[in-house]
Amino acid sequence: MVLAATARLQRLHILVTFAYDIQLQTSRYASLRPSFLRVMTSNRVGSSNRAPAEYKRMTEGAERLSLNLRFRRGGKDLDNKARLDLDCVVNFITDLKFTGQNILLFGFADDGIGNEVNLELSKERAQLVAEQFKRRGLTPFVVTGFGDSIPVASSLTEEGKEKNRRVELWLKK
């Protein structure tokens, strides 16, 4: 019992020290950065024949982040994971010395509704993410949507639709 209490106090002391020591946080941040977040060097979707010409033009010379921000069904609300990922993404981008002028946000929808509605919804999703970036000090350069034009999964299943409700993050030098 005493050993368990001592171990808890030691962990608490470490957490408090970490919380108050900016230098410690900064030096350890690189090792704590999630491995899932990286800049991708190849653009399979952008070179696809199904991608709109505007999408291809805007992504030319840009690099896509490996993380997509996803949304709840039929709406503009980020899912719980995306809410947690936002701070990590902003820190990652600023660590790479990019500014808002380097950020491209592209919204997408599943094909569950009509084309016009999907296009508008995808733009609203990209705008919502842009607003979250602005709150964190970065104003994205490009914010637009492409409706359901570039699915990353089949919309025949709910899991596939969930993957298609996304905002892609791109960095352009």
C-alpha atoms as a PDB file:
ATOM      1  CA  MET A   1       0.000   0.000   0.000  1.00  0.00           C
ATOM      2  CA  VAL A   2       2.779   2.442   0.956  1.00  0.00           C
ATOM      3  CA  LEU A   3       4.805   1.503  -2.149  1.00  0.00           C
ATOM      4  CA  ALA A   4       1.806   2.134  -4.419  1.00  0.00           C
ATOM      5  CA  ALA A   5       1.217   5.543  -2.836  1.00  0.00           C
ATOM      6  CA  THR A   6       4.912   6.416  -3.206  1.00  0.00           C
ATOM      7  CA  ALA A   7       4.875   5.398  -6.874  1.00  0.00           C
ATOM      8  CA  ARG A   8       1.777   7.544  -7.489  1.00  0.00           C
ATOM      9  CA  LEU A   9       3.437  10.534  -5.827  1.00  0.00           C
ATOM     10  CA  GLN A  10       6.552  10.070  -7.958  1.00  0.00           C
ATOM     11  CA  ARG A  11       4.458   9.999 -11.157  1.00  0.00           C
ATOM     12  CA  LEU A  12       2.549  13.068 -10.004  1.00  0.00           C
ATOM     13  CA  HIS A  13       5.825  14.884  -9.291  1.00  0.00           C
ATOM     14  CA  ILE A  14       7.109  14.044 -12.785  1.00  0.00           C
ATOM     15  CA  LEU A  15       3.890  15.299 -14.402  1.00  0.00           C
ATOM     16  CA  VAL A  16       3.888  18.539 -12.406  1.00  0.00           C
ATOM     17  CA  THR A  17       7.557  19.149 -13.183  1.00  0.00           C
ATOM     18  CA  PHE A  18       6.887  18.552 -16.873  1.00  0.00           C
ATOM     19  CA  ALA A  19       3.861  20.874 -16.819  1.00  0.00           C
ATOM     20  CA  TYR A  20       5.827  23.777 -15.333  1.00  0.00           C
ATOM     21  CA  ASP A  21       9.091  23.363 -17.253  1.00  0.00           C
ATOM     22  CA  ILE A  22       8.779  24.712 -20.826  1.00  0.00           C
ATOM     23  CA  GLN A  23      12.351  23.739 -21.685  1.00  0.00           C
ATOM     24  CA  LEU A  24      11.698  20.156 -20.624  1.00  0.00           C
ATOM     25  CA  GLN A  25       8.524  20.064 -22.715  1.00  0.00           C
ATOM     26  CA  THR A  26      10.299  21.429 -25.773  1.00  0.00           C
ATOM     27  CA  SER A  27      13.252  19.054 -25.528  1.00  0.00           C
ATOM     28  CA  ARG A  28      10.993  16.054 -25.150  1.00  0.00           C
ATOM     29  CA  TYR A  29       8.416  17.136 -27.691  1.00  0.00           C
ATOM     30  CA  ALA A  30      10.219  15.631 -30.689  1.00  0.00           C
ATOM     31  CA  SER A  31      10.239  12.189 -29.078  1.00  0.00           C
ATOM     32  CA  LEU A  32       6.565  12.530 -28.075  1.00  0.00           C
ATOM     33  CA  ARG A  33       5.327  13.552 -31.540  1.00  0.00           C
ATOM     34  CA  PRO A  34       2.979  10.854 -32.761  1.00  0.00           C
ATOM     35  CA  SER A  35       4.480   8.611 -35.404  1.00  0.00           C
ATOM     36  CA  PHE A  36       1.239   8.774 -37.396  1.00  0.00           C
ATOM     37  CA  LEU A  37       1.835  12.429 -38.268  1.00  0.00           C
ATOM     38  CA  ARG A  38       4.337  12.924 -41.052  1.00  0.00           C
ATOM     39  CA  VAL A  39       4.687  14.649 -44.390  1.00  0.00           C
ATOM     40  CA  MET A  40       3.965  12.255 -47.225  1.00  0.00           C
ATOM     41  CA  THR A  41       6.234  12.504 -50.240  1.00  0.00           C
ATOM     42  CA  SER A  42       4.003  10.808 -52.798  1.00  0.00           C
ATOM     43  CA  ASN A  43       0.604  12.007 -53.923  1.00  0.00           C
ATOM     44  CA  ARG A  44      -1.358   9.021 -55.234  1.00  0.00           C
ATOM     45  CA  VAL A  45      -4.745  10.746 -55.094  1.00  0.00           C
ATOM     46  CA  GLY A  46      -3.610  14.003 -56.704  1.00  0.00           C
ATOM     47  CA  SER A  47      -2.173  12.158 -59.690  1.00  0.00           C
ATOM     48  CA  SER A  48      -5.332  10.077 -60.076  1.00  0.00           C
ATOM     49  CA  ASN A  49      -7.487  10.569 -63.164  1.00  0.00           C
ATOM     50  CA  ARG A  50     -10.568  11.061 -60.980  1.00  0.00           C
ATOM     51  CA  ALA A  51      -9.160  14.102 -59.164  1.00  0.00           C
ATOM     52  CA  PRO A  52     -10.522  17.454 -60.388  1.00  0.00           C
ATOM     53  CA  ALA A  53      -8.105  19.614 -62.384  1.00  0.00           C
ATOM     54  CA  GLU A  54      -8.243  22.345 -59.721  1.00  0.00           C
ATOM     55  CA  TYR A  55      -7.200  19.846 -57.034  1.00  0.00           C
ATOM     56  CA  LYS A  56      -4.310  18.612 -59.170  1.00  0.00           C
ATOM     57  CA  ARG A  57      -3.176  22.187 -59.875  1.00  0.00           C
ATOM     58  CA  MET A  58      -3.274  23.248 -56.218  1.00  0.00           C
ATOM     59  CA  THR A  59      -1.487  20.144 -54.921  1.00  0.00           C
ATOM     60  CA  GLU A  60       1.273  20.273 -57.517  1.00  0.00           C
ATOM     61  CA  GLY A  61       4.540  20.737 -55.632  1.00  0.00           C
ATOM     62  CA  ALA A  62       2.771  20.378 -52.258  1.00  0.00           C
ATOM     63  CA  GLU A  63       3.158  17.612 -49.709  1.00  0.00           C
ATOM     64  CA  ARG A  64       0.240  16.021 -47.909  1.00  0.00           C
ATOM     65  CA  LEU A  65       0.198  15.340 -44.195  1.00  0.00           C
ATOM     66  CA  SER A  66      -0.527  11.719 -43.366  1.00  0.00           C
ATOM     67  CA  LEU A  67      -3.416  12.704 -41.106  1.00  0.00           C
ATOM     68  CA  ASN A  68      -6.957  13.531 -42.236  1.00  0.00           C
ATOM     69  CA  LEU A  69      -9.340  15.318 -39.916  1.00  0.00           C
ATOM     70  CA  ARG A  70     -12.648  13.438 -39.913  1.00  0.00           C
ATOM     71  CA  PHE A  71     -16.229  14.501 -39.238  1.00  0.00           C
ATOM     72  CA  ARG A  72     -19.359  13.104 -37.712  1.00  0.00           C
ATOM     73  CA  ARG A  73     -22.038  11.805 -40.042  1.00  0.00           C
ATOM     74  CA  GLY A  74     -23.994  14.382 -42.035  1.00  0.00           C
ATOM     75  CA  GLY A  75     -22.566  17.419 -40.341  1.00  0.00           C
ATOM     76  CA  LYS A  76     -19.756  19.849 -39.777  1.00  0.00           C
ATOM     77  CA  ASP A  77     -18.701  18.597 -36.337  1.00  0.00           C
ATOM     78  CA  LEU A  78     -15.204  17.181 -36.033  1.00  0.00           C
ATOM     79  CA  ASP A  79     -15.107  13.717 -34.540  1.00  0.00           C
ATOM     80  CA  ASN A  80     -13.467  13.273 -31.129  1.00  0.00           C
ATOM     81  CA  LYS A  81     -10.110  12.126 -32.532  1.00  0.00           C
ATOM     82  CA  ALA A  82      -9.884  15.115 -34.888  1.00  0.00           C
ATOM     83  CA  ARG A  83     -10.470  17.512 -31.997  1.00  0.00           C
ATOM     84  CA  LEU A  84      -7.536  15.992 -30.149  1.00  0.00           C
ATOM     85  CA  ASP A  85      -5.350  15.934 -33.275  1.00  0.00           C
ATOM     86  CA  LEU A  86      -5.697  19.663 -34.046  1.00  0.00           C
ATOM     87  CA  ASP A  87      -3.156  20.874 -31.473  1.00  0.00           C
ATOM     88  CA  CYS A  88      -0.723  18.159 -32.508  1.00  0.00           C
ATOM     89  CA  VAL A  89      -1.057  19.134 -36.176  1.00  0.00           C
ATOM     90  CA  VAL A  90      -0.537  22.850 -35.486  1.00  0.00           C
ATOM     91  CA  ASN A  91       2.545  22.113 -33.360  1.00  0.00           C
ATOM     92  CA  PHE A  92       3.917  19.817 -36.055  1.00  0.00           C
ATOM     93  CA  ILE A  93       3.433  22.444 -38.775  1.00  0.00           C
ATOM     94  CA  THR A  94       5.007  25.240 -36.727  1.00  0.00           C
ATOM     95  CA  ASP A  95       7.908  22.961 -35.720  1.00  0.00           C
ATOM     96  CA  LEU A  96       8.614  22.560 -39.436  1.00  0.00           C
ATOM     97  CA  LYS A  97       8.744  26.394 -39.663  1.00  0.00           C
ATOM     98  CA  PHE A  98       5.706  26.634 -41.922  1.00  0.00           C
ATOM     99  CA  THR A  99       3.260  29.533 -41.699  1.00  0.00           C
ATOM    100  CA  GLY A 100      -0.378  29.793 -42.648  1.00  0.00           C
ATOM    101  CA  GLN A 101       0.718  30.808 -46.150  1.00  0.00           C
ATOM    102  CA  ASN A 102       2.006  27.254 -46.610  1.00  0.00           C
ATOM    103  CA  ILE A 103      -1.196  25.473 -45.528  1.00  0.00           C
ATOM    104  CA  LEU A 104      -3.816  24.111 -47.916  1.00  0.00           C
ATOM    105  CA  LEU A 105      -7.057  22.630 -46.534  1.00  0.00           C
ATOM    106  CA  PHE A 106      -9.308  20.525 -48.760  1.00  0.00           C
ATOM    107  CA  GLY A 107     -12.684  19.334 -47.502  1.00  0.00           C
ATOM    108  CA  PHE A 108     -14.548  16.241 -48.703  1.00  0.00           C
ATOM    109  CA  ALA A 109     -17.876  14.514 -48.134  1.00  0.00           C
ATOM    110  CA  ASP A 110     -19.252  11.019 -48.612  1.00  0.00           C
ATOM    111  CA  ASP A 111     -21.730  10.514 -51.427  1.00  0.00           C
ATOM    112  CA  GLY A 112     -24.744  10.187 -49.133  1.00  0.00           C
ATOM    113  CA  ILE A 113     -26.440  13.420 -50.248  1.00  0.00           C
ATOM    114  CA  GLY A 114     -26.728  15.323 -53.560  1.00  0.00           C
ATOM    115  CA  ASN A 115     -23.721  16.812 -55.366  1.00  0.00           C
ATOM    116  CA  GLU A 116     -24.546  20.466 -54.593  1.00  0.00           C
ATOM    117  CA  VAL A 117     -25.094  19.743 -50.898  1.00  0.00           C
ATOM    118  CA  ASN A 118     -21.897  17.658 -50.695  1.00  0.00           C
ATOM    119  CA  LEU A 119     -19.854  20.401 -52.327  1.00  0.00           C
ATOM    120  CA  GLU A 120     -21.163  23.010 -49.902  1.00  0.00           C
ATOM    121  CA  LEU A 121     -20.702  20.671 -46.908  1.00  0.00           C
ATOM    122  CA  SER A 122     -17.111  19.905 -47.908  1.00  0.00           C
ATOM    123  CA  LYS A 123     -16.326  23.636 -48.138  1.00  0.00           C
ATOM    124  CA  GLU A 124     -17.932  24.267 -44.749  1.00  0.00           C
ATOM    125  CA  ARG A 125     -15.852  21.471 -43.214  1.00  0.00           C
ATOM    126  CA  ALA A 126     -12.641  22.954 -44.612  1.00  0.00           C
ATOM    127  CA  GLN A 127     -13.691  26.376 -43.301  1.00  0.00           C
ATOM    128  CA  LEU A 128     -14.369  24.934 -39.837  1.00  0.00           C
ATOM    129  CA  VAL A 129     -10.861  23.469 -39.717  1.00  0.00           C
ATOM    130  CA  ALA A 130      -9.444  26.790 -40.954  1.00  0.00           C
ATOM    131  CA  GLU A 131     -11.199  28.560 -38.075  1.00  0.00           C
ATOM    132  CA  GLN A 132      -9.647  26.097 -35.623  1.00  0.00           C
ATOM    133  CA  PHE A 133      -6.214  26.782 -37.138  1.00  0.00           C
ATOM    134  CA  LYS A 134      -6.795  30.547 -36.835  1.00  0.00           C
ATOM    135  CA  ARG A 135      -7.617  30.137 -33.140  1.00  0.00           C
ATOM    136  CA  ARG A 136      -4.232  28.465 -32.801  1.00  0.00           C
ATOM    137  CA  GLY A 137      -2.353  31.214 -34.646  1.00  0.00           C
ATOM    138  CA  LEU A 138      -2.209  29.907 -38.237  1.00  0.00           C
ATOM    139  CA  THR A 139      -4.359  31.231 -41.084  1.00  0.00           C
ATOM    140  CA  PRO A 140      -4.416  28.716 -43.964  1.00  0.00           C
ATOM    141  CA  PHE A 141      -3.743  30.093 -47.441  1.00  0.00           C
ATOM    142  CA  VAL A 142      -6.194  27.852 -49.343  1.00  0.00           C
ATOM    143  CA  VAL A 143      -9.489  26.609 -47.906  1.00  0.00           C
ATOM    144  CA  THR A 144     -11.903  24.863 -50.250  1.00  0.00           C
ATOM    145  CA  GLY A 145     -13.945  21.722 -50.744  1.00  0.00           C
ATOM    146  CA  PHE A 146     -14.378  19.129 -53.463  1.00  0.00           C
ATOM    147  CA  GLY A 147     -17.587  17.405 -52.386  1.00  0.00           C
ATOM    148  CA  ASP A 148     -17.516  13.653 -52.939  1.00  0.00           C
ATOM    149  CA  SER A 149     -15.235  13.865 -55.988  1.00  0.00           C
ATOM    150  CA  ILE A 150     -12.216  12.030 -54.527  1.00  0.00           C
ATOM    151  CA  PRO A 151     -13.320   9.195 -52.236  1.00  0.00           C
ATOM    152  CA  VAL A 152     -10.576   7.370 -50.351  1.00  0.00           C
ATOM    153  CA  ALA A 153     -12.867   4.442 -49.540  1.00  0.00           C
ATOM    154  CA  SER A 154     -16.069   2.876 -50.808  1.00  0.00           C
ATOM    155  CA  SER A 155     -19.193   4.722 -49.725  1.00  0.00           C
ATOM    156  CA  LEU A 156     -21.112   1.439 -49.735  1.00  0.00           C
ATOM    157  CA  THR A 157     -20.210   0.871 -46.074  1.00  0.00           C
ATOM    158  CA  GLU A 158     -20.551   3.176 -43.093  1.00  0.00           C
ATOM    159  CA  GLU A 159     -16.811   2.755 -42.406  1.00  0.00           C
ATOM    160  CA  GLY A 160     -15.995   3.864 -45.942  1.00  0.00           C
ATOM    161  CA  LYS A 161     -18.319   6.859 -45.693  1.00  0.00           C
ATOM    162  CA  GLU A 162     -16.621   7.846 -42.442  1.00  0.00           C
ATOM    163  CA  LYS A 163     -13.222   7.853 -44.159  1.00  0.00           C
ATOM    164  CA  ASN A 164     -14.556  10.022 -46.982  1.00  0.00           C
ATOM    165  CA  ARG A 165     -15.849  12.726 -44.577  1.00  0.00           C
ATOM    166  CA  ARG A 166     -12.509  14.445 -44.141  1.00  0.00           C
ATOM    167  CA  VAL A 167     -10.308  17.490 -44.509  1.00  0.00           C
ATOM    168  CA  GLU A 168      -6.905  16.859 -46.057  1.00  0.00           C
ATOM    169  CA  LEU A 169      -3.957  18.977 -44.920  1.00  0.00           C
ATOM    170  CA  TRP A 170      -1.295  19.956 -47.447  1.00  0.00           C
ATOM    171  CA  LEU A 171       1.917  21.986 -47.099  1.00  0.00           C
ATOM    172  CA  LYS A 172       3.345  23.989 -49.981  1.00  0.00           C
ATOM    173  CA  LYS A 173       6.831  25.484 -49.874  1.00  0.00           C
END
